[in-house]
N, C-alpha and C. Protein backbone atom coordinates (compact mmCIF):
# COMPACT_ATOMS: atom_id res chain seq x y z
N MET A 1 -3.91 -27.48 -65.57
CA MET A 1 -2.45 -26.32 -65.18
C MET A 1 -3.35 -26.61 -63.27
N PRO A 2 -2.58 -26.68 -62.29
CA PRO A 2 -2.71 -25.75 -61.39
C PRO A 2 -3.16 -24.73 -60.57
N ARG A 3 -3.82 -24.82 -59.30
CA ARG A 3 -4.06 -22.93 -59.28
C ARG A 3 -3.23 -22.60 -58.34
N SER A 4 -2.80 -21.14 -58.74
CA SER A 4 -0.99 -20.41 -58.29
C SER A 4 -2.00 -20.19 -57.15
N VAL A 5 -1.63 -19.98 -55.80
CA VAL A 5 -1.57 -18.78 -54.74
C VAL A 5 -0.59 -18.34 -54.01
N ASN A 6 -0.70 -17.35 -53.84
CA ASN A 6 0.33 -16.22 -53.59
C ASN A 6 0.39 -16.87 -51.93
N HIS A 7 1.33 -17.50 -51.58
CA HIS A 7 1.58 -18.08 -49.99
C HIS A 7 1.99 -16.59 -49.26
N VAL A 8 3.06 -16.31 -50.04
CA VAL A 8 3.84 -15.70 -49.04
C VAL A 8 3.16 -14.35 -48.67
N ALA A 9 2.40 -13.76 -50.11
CA ALA A 9 1.67 -12.11 -49.52
C ALA A 9 0.82 -12.66 -48.20
N SER A 10 0.14 -13.79 -48.53
CA SER A 10 -1.38 -14.23 -47.38
C SER A 10 -0.77 -14.31 -46.05
N ARG A 11 0.50 -14.93 -46.26
CA ARG A 11 1.04 -15.70 -44.69
C ARG A 11 1.58 -13.81 -43.99
N ALA A 12 1.92 -13.07 -45.05
CA ALA A 12 2.52 -11.48 -44.55
C ALA A 12 1.10 -10.70 -43.91
N ARG A 13 -0.10 -11.28 -44.46
CA ARG A 13 -0.85 -10.25 -44.15
C ARG A 13 -1.58 -10.80 -42.78
N ARG A 14 -1.29 -11.75 -42.48
CA ARG A 14 -2.08 -12.46 -41.24
C ARG A 14 -0.76 -12.46 -40.00
N LYS A 15 0.34 -12.24 -40.33
CA LYS A 15 1.92 -12.22 -40.00
C LYS A 15 1.94 -10.70 -39.28
N LYS A 16 1.19 -9.57 -40.16
CA LYS A 16 0.92 -8.44 -39.83
C LYS A 16 0.25 -7.95 -38.55
N VAL A 17 -1.41 -8.41 -38.79
CA VAL A 17 -2.01 -8.84 -37.72
C VAL A 17 -1.67 -9.19 -36.49
N LEU A 18 -1.64 -10.85 -36.54
CA LEU A 18 -0.99 -11.18 -35.23
C LEU A 18 0.32 -10.68 -34.43
N LYS A 19 0.73 -9.93 -35.15
CA LYS A 19 2.12 -8.96 -34.37
C LYS A 19 1.38 -7.85 -33.78
N GLN A 20 0.19 -7.32 -34.30
CA GLN A 20 -0.64 -6.06 -33.94
C GLN A 20 -1.09 -6.68 -32.48
N THR A 21 -1.88 -7.87 -32.23
CA THR A 21 -2.85 -8.32 -32.07
C THR A 21 -1.38 -9.20 -30.02
N ARG A 22 -0.29 -8.84 -30.15
CA ARG A 22 0.85 -9.21 -29.29
C ARG A 22 0.45 -8.65 -28.41
N GLY A 23 0.11 -9.26 -27.09
CA GLY A 23 -0.22 -8.78 -25.67
C GLY A 23 -1.99 -8.72 -25.29
N TYR A 24 -2.70 -9.44 -26.39
CA TYR A 24 -4.17 -9.84 -26.08
C TYR A 24 -4.18 -11.00 -25.59
N TRP A 25 -5.54 -11.26 -24.58
CA TRP A 25 -5.60 -12.37 -23.61
C TRP A 25 -6.08 -13.60 -24.82
N GLY A 26 -5.64 -14.63 -24.41
CA GLY A 26 -5.85 -15.58 -24.95
C GLY A 26 -6.00 -16.22 -26.30
N ARG A 27 -7.07 -16.37 -27.02
CA ARG A 27 -6.97 -16.91 -28.59
C ARG A 27 -6.82 -15.95 -28.94
N ARG A 28 -6.99 -14.80 -28.47
CA ARG A 28 -7.42 -13.38 -29.31
C ARG A 28 -5.73 -13.09 -30.21
N LYS A 29 -5.19 -13.50 -29.46
CA LYS A 29 -3.53 -13.10 -29.94
C LYS A 29 -2.60 -14.02 -30.82
N ASN A 30 -3.01 -15.16 -30.85
CA ASN A 30 -2.12 -16.19 -31.81
C ASN A 30 -3.30 -17.18 -32.65
N VAL A 31 -4.23 -16.98 -33.15
CA VAL A 31 -5.58 -17.99 -33.46
C VAL A 31 -6.17 -16.89 -35.06
N TRP A 32 -5.78 -16.87 -36.27
CA TRP A 32 -6.57 -15.69 -36.74
C TRP A 32 -7.65 -15.46 -36.96
N THR A 33 -8.22 -16.09 -37.12
CA THR A 33 -9.85 -15.43 -37.48
C THR A 33 -10.07 -14.66 -35.72
N VAL A 34 -9.71 -15.61 -34.39
CA VAL A 34 -10.26 -14.91 -33.40
C VAL A 34 -9.72 -13.81 -33.48
N ALA A 35 -8.17 -13.81 -34.09
CA ALA A 35 -7.67 -12.24 -33.91
C ALA A 35 -7.86 -11.24 -34.85
N LYS A 36 -7.76 -11.87 -36.03
CA LYS A 36 -8.51 -10.71 -37.04
C LYS A 36 -9.66 -9.93 -36.14
N ASN A 37 -10.74 -10.66 -36.07
CA ASN A 37 -11.84 -10.05 -35.05
C ASN A 37 -11.47 -8.62 -34.32
N ALA A 38 -10.56 -9.38 -32.99
CA ALA A 38 -10.01 -8.49 -32.08
C ALA A 38 -9.45 -7.35 -32.59
N HIS A 39 -8.68 -7.48 -33.53
CA HIS A 39 -8.09 -6.65 -34.43
C HIS A 39 -9.20 -5.46 -35.05
N GLU A 40 -9.72 -5.82 -35.62
CA GLU A 40 -10.62 -5.12 -35.99
C GLU A 40 -11.14 -3.79 -35.36
N ARG A 41 -11.90 -4.97 -34.16
CA ARG A 41 -12.73 -4.00 -33.40
C ARG A 41 -12.00 -3.18 -32.29
N GLY A 42 -10.63 -3.36 -32.43
CA GLY A 42 -9.74 -2.95 -31.20
C GLY A 42 -9.28 -1.58 -32.27
N LEU A 43 -9.20 -1.43 -33.43
CA LEU A 43 -9.08 -0.32 -34.62
C LEU A 43 -10.45 0.56 -34.38
N GLN A 44 -11.63 -0.03 -33.98
CA GLN A 44 -12.50 0.98 -33.83
C GLN A 44 -12.57 1.57 -32.76
N PHE A 45 -12.27 1.07 -31.24
CA PHE A 45 -12.12 1.52 -30.54
C PHE A 45 -11.26 2.79 -30.02
N ALA A 46 -10.01 2.52 -30.92
CA ALA A 46 -8.71 3.89 -31.15
C ALA A 46 -9.43 4.66 -31.95
N TYR A 47 -10.35 4.55 -33.21
CA TYR A 47 -11.07 5.40 -33.58
C TYR A 47 -11.33 6.65 -33.29
N VAL A 48 -13.06 5.69 -31.84
CA VAL A 48 -13.76 6.46 -31.52
C VAL A 48 -13.10 6.98 -30.38
N GLY A 49 -12.07 7.22 -29.81
CA GLY A 49 -11.00 7.13 -28.65
C GLY A 49 -10.84 8.47 -29.20
N ARG A 50 -10.11 8.64 -30.27
CA ARG A 50 -9.38 9.76 -30.85
C ARG A 50 -10.08 10.70 -30.96
N LYS A 51 -11.54 10.11 -31.45
CA LYS A 51 -12.85 11.77 -30.80
C LYS A 51 -13.37 11.84 -29.42
N LEU A 52 -12.96 11.17 -28.36
CA LEU A 52 -13.75 11.48 -27.17
C LEU A 52 -12.50 11.89 -26.33
N LYS A 53 -11.37 11.38 -27.11
CA LYS A 53 -10.22 12.45 -25.65
C LYS A 53 -10.37 14.13 -26.25
N LYS A 54 -10.29 14.51 -27.45
CA LYS A 54 -11.11 16.08 -27.44
C LYS A 54 -12.03 16.32 -26.64
N ARG A 55 -13.31 15.58 -26.67
CA ARG A 55 -14.55 15.91 -26.36
C ARG A 55 -14.11 16.36 -24.60
N GLN A 56 -12.99 14.88 -23.81
CA GLN A 56 -13.37 14.89 -22.74
C GLN A 56 -11.99 16.24 -22.25
N TYR A 57 -11.40 16.47 -22.84
CA TYR A 57 -10.19 17.72 -22.83
C TYR A 57 -10.80 18.80 -22.68
N ARG A 58 -11.52 19.18 -23.37
CA ARG A 58 -12.75 20.23 -23.67
C ARG A 58 -13.71 20.48 -22.47
N SER A 59 -14.47 19.46 -22.18
CA SER A 59 -14.70 19.16 -20.25
C SER A 59 -13.77 19.59 -19.12
N LEU A 60 -12.90 19.12 -19.46
CA LEU A 60 -12.15 19.31 -18.21
C LEU A 60 -11.40 20.48 -17.91
N TRP A 61 -11.30 21.28 -19.31
CA TRP A 61 -11.04 23.29 -19.41
C TRP A 61 -11.98 23.40 -18.65
N ILE A 62 -13.12 23.42 -19.25
CA ILE A 62 -14.85 24.03 -18.51
C ILE A 62 -14.67 23.55 -17.11
N VAL A 63 -14.24 22.35 -16.66
CA VAL A 63 -14.55 22.43 -15.10
C VAL A 63 -13.37 23.84 -14.56
N ARG A 64 -12.33 23.49 -14.83
CA ARG A 64 -11.25 24.38 -14.24
C ARG A 64 -11.23 26.09 -14.47
N ILE A 65 -12.35 26.27 -15.77
CA ILE A 65 -12.41 27.72 -15.60
C ILE A 65 -13.19 27.53 -14.59
N ASN A 66 -14.06 26.95 -14.58
CA ASN A 66 -15.51 27.47 -13.79
C ASN A 66 -15.12 27.28 -12.16
N ALA A 67 -14.20 26.49 -11.69
CA ALA A 67 -13.86 26.54 -10.68
C ALA A 67 -12.91 27.52 -9.95
N ALA A 68 -12.19 28.25 -11.50
CA ALA A 68 -11.46 29.32 -10.87
C ALA A 68 -12.32 30.19 -11.10
N CYS A 69 -13.57 30.95 -11.58
CA CYS A 69 -14.59 31.70 -12.06
C CYS A 69 -15.41 31.63 -10.39
N ARG A 70 -15.95 30.43 -9.98
CA ARG A 70 -16.12 31.03 -8.33
C ARG A 70 -16.34 31.74 -7.40
N PRO A 71 -14.69 32.00 -7.16
CA PRO A 71 -14.51 32.64 -6.23
C PRO A 71 -14.17 34.07 -6.47
N GLU A 72 -14.33 34.21 -7.88
CA GLU A 72 -14.48 35.54 -8.33
C GLU A 72 -15.87 35.96 -8.45
N GLY A 73 -16.88 35.46 -8.05
CA GLY A 73 -18.42 35.88 -7.99
C GLY A 73 -19.16 35.87 -9.46
N ILE A 74 -18.44 34.97 -10.22
CA ILE A 74 -18.94 34.94 -11.36
C ILE A 74 -19.31 33.54 -11.85
N SER A 75 -20.05 33.15 -12.78
CA SER A 75 -20.08 31.56 -13.56
C SER A 75 -19.97 31.33 -14.29
N TYR A 76 -19.13 30.49 -15.55
CA TYR A 76 -18.57 30.02 -15.89
C TYR A 76 -19.82 30.53 -17.05
N SER A 77 -21.04 30.34 -17.40
CA SER A 77 -21.54 30.97 -18.42
C SER A 77 -21.54 32.46 -19.12
N GLN A 78 -21.77 33.03 -17.61
CA GLN A 78 -21.81 34.62 -17.93
C GLN A 78 -20.55 34.80 -17.64
N PHE A 79 -19.09 34.14 -17.46
CA PHE A 79 -17.34 34.22 -17.83
C PHE A 79 -17.40 34.25 -19.16
N MET A 80 -18.12 33.62 -19.71
CA MET A 80 -17.57 33.32 -21.10
C MET A 80 -18.19 33.55 -22.48
N GLY A 81 -19.27 34.38 -21.62
CA GLY A 81 -20.27 35.62 -22.60
C GLY A 81 -19.60 36.68 -22.83
N LYS A 82 -19.61 37.46 -21.26
CA LYS A 82 -18.54 38.40 -21.66
C LYS A 82 -17.10 38.57 -21.83
N VAL A 83 -16.38 37.18 -21.65
CA VAL A 83 -15.18 37.26 -22.25
C VAL A 83 -15.37 37.63 -24.44
N HIS A 84 -16.21 36.46 -25.01
CA HIS A 84 -16.46 36.41 -25.90
C HIS A 84 -16.85 38.30 -26.71
N LYS A 85 -18.19 38.77 -25.53
CA LYS A 85 -18.80 40.44 -26.26
C LYS A 85 -17.06 41.03 -25.95
N ALA A 86 -16.16 40.71 -25.04
CA ALA A 86 -15.01 41.78 -24.63
C ALA A 86 -14.14 41.18 -26.18
N GLY A 87 -14.30 40.39 -26.95
CA GLY A 87 -13.72 40.50 -28.03
C GLY A 87 -12.26 39.64 -27.56
N LEU A 88 -11.71 39.22 -26.51
CA LEU A 88 -10.38 37.79 -25.97
C LEU A 88 -10.41 37.26 -27.24
N THR A 89 -9.43 36.80 -27.44
CA THR A 89 -8.90 35.78 -28.33
C THR A 89 -8.79 34.45 -27.68
N LEU A 90 -8.76 34.46 -26.44
CA LEU A 90 -8.34 33.43 -25.59
C LEU A 90 -9.08 32.39 -25.44
N ASN A 91 -8.69 31.32 -26.14
CA ASN A 91 -9.88 29.51 -25.73
C ASN A 91 -9.87 29.50 -24.34
N ARG A 92 -10.62 28.10 -24.68
CA ARG A 92 -10.64 27.47 -23.28
C ARG A 92 -9.45 26.81 -22.82
N LYS A 93 -8.95 26.16 -23.52
CA LYS A 93 -8.24 25.74 -23.47
C LYS A 93 -6.50 26.56 -22.75
N ALA A 94 -6.34 27.86 -23.07
CA ALA A 94 -5.71 28.43 -22.73
C ALA A 94 -6.04 29.23 -21.14
N LEU A 95 -7.23 29.42 -21.72
CA LEU A 95 -8.00 29.88 -19.88
C LEU A 95 -7.88 29.32 -19.04
N ALA A 96 -8.21 27.81 -19.49
CA ALA A 96 -7.32 26.98 -17.85
C ALA A 96 -6.62 26.99 -17.49
N ASP A 97 -5.80 27.07 -18.40
CA ASP A 97 -3.97 26.75 -18.17
C ASP A 97 -3.73 28.13 -17.51
N LEU A 98 -4.15 29.46 -17.70
CA LEU A 98 -4.30 30.37 -16.41
C LEU A 98 -5.10 30.23 -15.47
N ALA A 99 -5.79 30.06 -15.40
CA ALA A 99 -6.48 29.40 -13.92
C ALA A 99 -5.70 28.48 -13.30
N MET A 100 -5.30 27.54 -14.30
CA MET A 100 -4.60 25.88 -12.62
C MET A 100 -3.33 26.75 -11.88
N HIS A 101 -2.32 27.56 -13.52
CA HIS A 101 -1.01 27.73 -13.17
C HIS A 101 -0.46 29.68 -12.41
N HIS A 102 -1.85 30.05 -13.19
CA HIS A 102 -1.01 31.37 -12.79
C HIS A 102 -2.83 32.19 -12.79
N PRO A 103 -3.16 32.02 -11.07
CA PRO A 103 -3.94 32.79 -10.87
C PRO A 103 -4.35 34.38 -11.21
N ALA A 104 -3.18 34.69 -10.72
CA ALA A 104 -3.56 36.20 -10.77
C ALA A 104 -3.55 36.64 -12.22
N ALA A 105 -2.90 36.15 -13.16
CA ALA A 105 -3.48 36.36 -14.23
C ALA A 105 -4.63 36.09 -15.43
N PHE A 106 -4.98 35.17 -14.36
CA PHE A 106 -6.87 35.01 -14.80
C PHE A 106 -7.61 35.76 -14.11
N LYS A 107 -7.43 36.03 -12.59
CA LYS A 107 -7.87 37.54 -11.93
C LYS A 107 -7.84 38.42 -12.56
N ALA A 108 -6.48 38.74 -13.25
CA ALA A 108 -6.56 40.20 -14.48
C ALA A 108 -7.75 39.70 -15.22
N VAL A 109 -7.96 38.69 -16.25
CA VAL A 109 -8.70 38.10 -16.98
C VAL A 109 -10.37 38.60 -16.57
N VAL A 110 -10.45 38.10 -15.60
CA VAL A 110 -11.66 38.15 -15.09
C VAL A 110 -12.58 39.80 -14.63
N ASP A 111 -11.41 40.20 -14.28
CA ASP A 111 -11.57 41.60 -14.03
C ASP A 111 -11.74 42.49 -15.35
N ALA A 112 -10.68 42.42 -16.74
CA ALA A 112 -10.92 42.83 -17.51
C ALA A 112 -11.97 43.08 -18.50
N VAL A 113 -12.86 41.70 -18.08
CA VAL A 113 -13.98 41.25 -18.71
C VAL A 113 -15.28 41.75 -17.80
N LYS A 114 -15.49 41.96 -16.48
CA LYS A 114 -16.20 42.42 -16.07
C LYS A 114 -17.21 43.77 -16.21
């Protein structure tokens, strides 16, 4: 009795990967073995990128808060220490938004913690 191979399912798996590699350069988009490796590598970069994005946003918020604190005569680390001592529950994202879009409100926060 001949061996039965499910060509429909295996072809569907390949088509799914090849569809996701559309737009890649050269053989990475249309040769199965090359495309599979490129696709797996791309998924790894995407996973790492989702973690890096959070890190980069936090550092951006810190830079913005520091830039807004300096004219008030206080450094970022001193400011954050006083914010925690004062018991303010504003996070870095909210503080950076205040510093960028509402400088008067940020100045009020700085004066409150000094």
